[in-house]
Amino acid sequence: MQLNQLPGIYNIKGSNQDEAGTTYNGTLELTLNENNRVNAKWVINESQVQQGTGFFKDNILVINFNYKGDDELIYKGVVVYKCITQDILDGFWSEKHGNPLYLAVERCFRIGTQKEAAN
C-alpha cells in the first residue's frame, strides 16, 4: 500500500482500554499534510472529537492523538494500525492514563466499500 492511498473516511468499530472492553462506533478521516504526514480526525459515538498526526511506513500507520474529555482535561495516546488492504485498517491503541493492563482495539473500514457494508 502507498501513502497516497490512505486518505479517506472510514467507519470504525472498537473497544476501549478497560476491563469491560466497552465498545464504540464512529468515523475516522485521514488526510495528508504538506509534509506527507497523516492527519487524523475521529468522531466517536457521534459526539467525541479526537485528532492526531502520524506517519506511515511498511503498511503500518502510527498516530499520536489527543482529545478533551468530559472533565475538560486533555487526554493523549497512540494508535497503531496495520493496513490489511487499502480499505481495511486493523489497530490497537493506548492512552497515557488508561488502564495499563489492557490494550484497546479498533478496526476501520473505508466508507463505500463492499467490506465495510458487510461488517
C-alpha atoms as a PDB file:
ATOM      1  CA  MET A   1       0.000   0.000   0.000  1.00  0.00           C
ATOM      2  CA  GLN A   2       1.173   3.530  -0.748  1.00  0.00           C
ATOM      3  CA  LEU A   3       0.833   6.614   1.450  1.00  0.00           C
ATOM      4  CA  ASN A   4      -1.403   8.377  -1.083  1.00  0.00           C
ATOM      5  CA  GLN A   5      -3.933   5.518  -0.818  1.00  0.00           C
ATOM      6  CA  LEU A   6      -4.640   6.212   2.888  1.00  0.00           C
ATOM      7  CA  PRO A   7      -6.733   9.406   2.713  1.00  0.00           C
ATOM      8  CA  GLY A   8     -10.446   8.867   3.053  1.00  0.00           C
ATOM      9  CA  ILE A   9     -13.238   8.364   5.543  1.00  0.00           C
ATOM     10  CA  TYR A  10     -13.584   5.089   7.432  1.00  0.00           C
ATOM     11  CA  ASN A  11     -16.266   3.632   9.678  1.00  0.00           C
ATOM     12  CA  ILE A  12     -14.711   2.383  12.889  1.00  0.00           C
ATOM     13  CA  LYS A  13     -15.646  -0.248  15.445  1.00  0.00           C
ATOM     14  CA  GLY A  14     -13.610  -0.588  18.590  1.00  0.00           C
ATOM     15  CA  SER A  15     -13.337  -1.405  22.253  1.00  0.00           C
ATOM     16  CA  ASN A  16     -11.808   0.751  24.964  1.00  0.00           C
ATOM     17  CA  GLN A  17      -8.773   0.245  27.185  1.00  0.00           C
ATOM     18  CA  ASP A  18     -10.741  -1.095  30.133  1.00  0.00           C
ATOM     19  CA  GLU A  19     -11.628  -4.395  31.766  1.00  0.00           C
ATOM     20  CA  ALA A  20     -15.129  -4.420  30.262  1.00  0.00           C
ATOM     21  CA  GLY A  21     -13.859  -3.722  26.733  1.00  0.00           C
ATOM     22  CA  THR A  22     -16.561  -1.089  26.325  1.00  0.00           C
ATOM     23  CA  THR A  23     -17.407  -0.863  22.633  1.00  0.00           C
ATOM     24  CA  TYR A  24     -17.826   2.196  20.437  1.00  0.00           C
ATOM     25  CA  ASN A  25     -18.502   3.194  16.823  1.00  0.00           C
ATOM     26  CA  GLY A  26     -17.580   6.233  14.830  1.00  0.00           C
ATOM     27  CA  THR A  27     -15.702   7.585  11.859  1.00  0.00           C
ATOM     28  CA  LEU A  28     -12.073   8.296  11.086  1.00  0.00           C
ATOM     29  CA  GLU A  29     -10.993  10.795   8.442  1.00  0.00           C
ATOM     30  CA  LEU A  30      -7.425  10.579   7.177  1.00  0.00           C
ATOM     31  CA  THR A  31      -5.752  13.329   5.147  1.00  0.00           C
ATOM     32  CA  LEU A  32      -2.160  14.169   4.223  1.00  0.00           C
ATOM     33  CA  ASN A  33      -0.495  17.467   5.114  1.00  0.00           C
ATOM     34  CA  GLU A  34       2.117  19.374   3.103  1.00  0.00           C
ATOM     35  CA  ASN A  35       4.914  17.251   4.635  1.00  0.00           C
ATOM     36  CA  ASN A  36       3.199  13.945   3.761  1.00  0.00           C
ATOM     37  CA  ARG A  37       2.351  13.318   7.386  1.00  0.00           C
ATOM     38  CA  VAL A  38      -1.034  11.845   8.166  1.00  0.00           C
ATOM     39  CA  ASN A  39      -3.687  13.988   9.843  1.00  0.00           C
ATOM     40  CA  ALA A  40      -6.464  12.080  11.590  1.00  0.00           C
ATOM     41  CA  LYS A  41      -9.846  13.109  12.954  1.00  0.00           C
ATOM     42  CA  TRP A  42     -12.078  10.670  14.809  1.00  0.00           C
ATOM     43  CA  VAL A  43     -15.698  11.246  15.772  1.00  0.00           C
ATOM     44  CA  ILE A  44     -16.600   8.667  18.414  1.00  0.00           C
ATOM     45  CA  ASN A  45     -20.233   7.808  19.166  1.00  0.00           C
ATOM     46  CA  GLU A  46     -21.310  10.891  17.181  1.00  0.00           C
ATOM     47  CA  SER A  47     -20.062  13.297  19.863  1.00  0.00           C
ATOM     48  CA  GLN A  48     -16.429  12.994  20.955  1.00  0.00           C
ATOM     49  CA  VAL A  49     -13.883  14.503  18.562  1.00  0.00           C
ATOM     50  CA  GLN A  50     -10.284  13.322  18.662  1.00  0.00           C
ATOM     51  CA  GLN A  51      -7.419  14.432  16.464  1.00  0.00           C
ATOM     52  CA  GLY A  52      -3.881  13.406  15.763  1.00  0.00           C
ATOM     53  CA  THR A  53      -0.910  13.315  13.439  1.00  0.00           C
ATOM     54  CA  GLY A  54       1.280  10.458  12.395  1.00  0.00           C
ATOM     55  CA  PHE A  55       3.353   8.676   9.797  1.00  0.00           C
ATOM     56  CA  PHE A  56       3.184   5.629   7.548  1.00  0.00           C
ATOM     57  CA  LYS A  57       5.819   3.021   6.653  1.00  0.00           C
ATOM     58  CA  ASP A  58       5.688  -0.626   5.517  1.00  0.00           C
ATOM     59  CA  ASN A  59       1.884  -0.786   5.764  1.00  0.00           C
ATOM     60  CA  ILE A  60       1.980   0.444   9.377  1.00  0.00           C
ATOM     61  CA  LEU A  61       0.287   3.716  10.361  1.00  0.00           C
ATOM     62  CA  VAL A  62       1.203   5.280  13.733  1.00  0.00           C
ATOM     63  CA  ILE A  63      -0.763   8.265  15.045  1.00  0.00           C
ATOM     64  CA  ASN A  64      -0.333  10.277  18.241  1.00  0.00           C
ATOM     65  CA  PHE A  65      -3.775  11.535  19.222  1.00  0.00           C
ATOM     66  CA  ASN A  66      -5.451  13.762  21.790  1.00  0.00           C
ATOM     67  CA  TYR A  67      -8.896  14.886  22.848  1.00  0.00           C
ATOM     68  CA  LYS A  68     -10.673  16.873  25.524  1.00  0.00           C
ATOM     69  CA  GLY A  69     -12.556  14.674  27.982  1.00  0.00           C
ATOM     70  CA  ASP A  70     -15.895  15.389  29.616  1.00  0.00           C
ATOM     71  CA  ASP A  71     -13.870  16.639  32.603  1.00  0.00           C
ATOM     72  CA  GLU A  72     -12.238  19.274  30.317  1.00  0.00           C
ATOM     73  CA  LEU A  73      -8.805  17.623  30.670  1.00  0.00           C
ATOM     74  CA  ILE A  74      -6.701  16.792  27.598  1.00  0.00           C
ATOM     75  CA  TYR A  75      -6.054  13.075  27.095  1.00  0.00           C
ATOM     76  CA  LYS A  76      -3.257  11.730  24.892  1.00  0.00           C
ATOM     77  CA  GLY A  77      -2.404   8.385  23.383  1.00  0.00           C
ATOM     78  CA  VAL A  78      -1.045   6.482  20.418  1.00  0.00           C
ATOM     79  CA  VAL A  79      -2.757   4.206  17.898  1.00  0.00           C
ATOM     80  CA  VAL A  80      -1.022   1.735  15.591  1.00  0.00           C
ATOM     81  CA  TYR A  81      -2.829   0.421  12.512  1.00  0.00           C
ATOM     82  CA  LYS A  82      -1.785  -2.381  10.213  1.00  0.00           C
ATOM     83  CA  CYS A  83      -3.112  -1.761   6.709  1.00  0.00           C
ATOM     84  CA  ILE A  84      -4.707  -5.088   5.816  1.00  0.00           C
ATOM     85  CA  THR A  85      -5.855  -3.706   2.432  1.00  0.00           C
ATOM     86  CA  GLN A  86      -6.276  -0.146   1.183  1.00  0.00           C
ATOM     87  CA  ASP A  87      -9.826  -0.310   2.611  1.00  0.00           C
ATOM     88  CA  ILE A  88      -9.277  -2.068   5.971  1.00  0.00           C
ATOM     89  CA  LEU A  89      -7.114  -0.929   8.892  1.00  0.00           C
ATOM     90  CA  ASP A  90      -6.654  -3.135  11.961  1.00  0.00           C
ATOM     91  CA  GLY A  91      -5.317  -1.379  15.031  1.00  0.00           C
ATOM     92  CA  PHE A  92      -4.681  -1.136  18.724  1.00  0.00           C
ATOM     93  CA  TRP A  93      -4.261   1.901  20.934  1.00  0.00           C
ATOM     94  CA  SER A  94      -3.419   3.050  24.419  1.00  0.00           C
ATOM     95  CA  GLU A  95      -3.859   6.278  26.361  1.00  0.00           C
ATOM     96  CA  LYS A  96      -1.339   7.673  28.793  1.00  0.00           C
ATOM     97  CA  HIS A  97      -3.775   7.427  31.716  1.00  0.00           C
ATOM     98  CA  GLY A  98      -5.643   4.328  30.529  1.00  0.00           C
ATOM     99  CA  ASN A  99      -5.593   1.008  32.361  1.00  0.00           C
ATOM    100  CA  PRO A 100      -2.097  -0.405  31.661  1.00  0.00           C
ATOM    101  CA  LEU A 101      -3.415  -3.966  31.913  1.00  0.00           C
ATOM    102  CA  TYR A 102      -5.379  -3.593  28.660  1.00  0.00           C
ATOM    103  CA  LEU A 103      -4.916  -2.509  25.066  1.00  0.00           C
ATOM    104  CA  ALA A 104      -7.824  -1.064  23.153  1.00  0.00           C
ATOM    105  CA  VAL A 105      -8.584  -2.314  19.648  1.00  0.00           C
ATOM    106  CA  GLU A 106     -10.086  -0.693  16.584  1.00  0.00           C
ATOM    107  CA  ARG A 107     -10.954  -1.813  13.061  1.00  0.00           C
ATOM    108  CA  CYS A 108     -11.588   0.678  10.264  1.00  0.00           C
ATOM    109  CA  PHE A 109     -13.494   0.092   7.016  1.00  0.00           C
ATOM    110  CA  ARG A 110     -13.292   2.649   4.210  1.00  0.00           C
ATOM    111  CA  ILE A 111     -16.786   4.032   3.611  1.00  0.00           C
ATOM    112  CA  GLY A 112     -18.332   2.899   0.362  1.00  0.00           C
ATOM    113  CA  THR A 113     -16.555  -0.445   0.038  1.00  0.00           C
ATOM    114  CA  GLN A 114     -18.191  -3.859  -0.019  1.00  0.00           C
ATOM    115  CA  LYS A 115     -16.138  -4.947   3.011  1.00  0.00           C
ATOM    116  CA  GLU A 116     -17.469  -2.005   5.031  1.00  0.00           C
ATOM    117  CA  ALA A 117     -21.064  -2.761   4.039  1.00  0.00           C
ATOM    118  CA  ALA A 118     -20.716  -6.407   5.113  1.00  0.00           C
ATOM    119  CA  ASN A 119     -19.459  -5.567   8.596  1.00  0.00           C
END
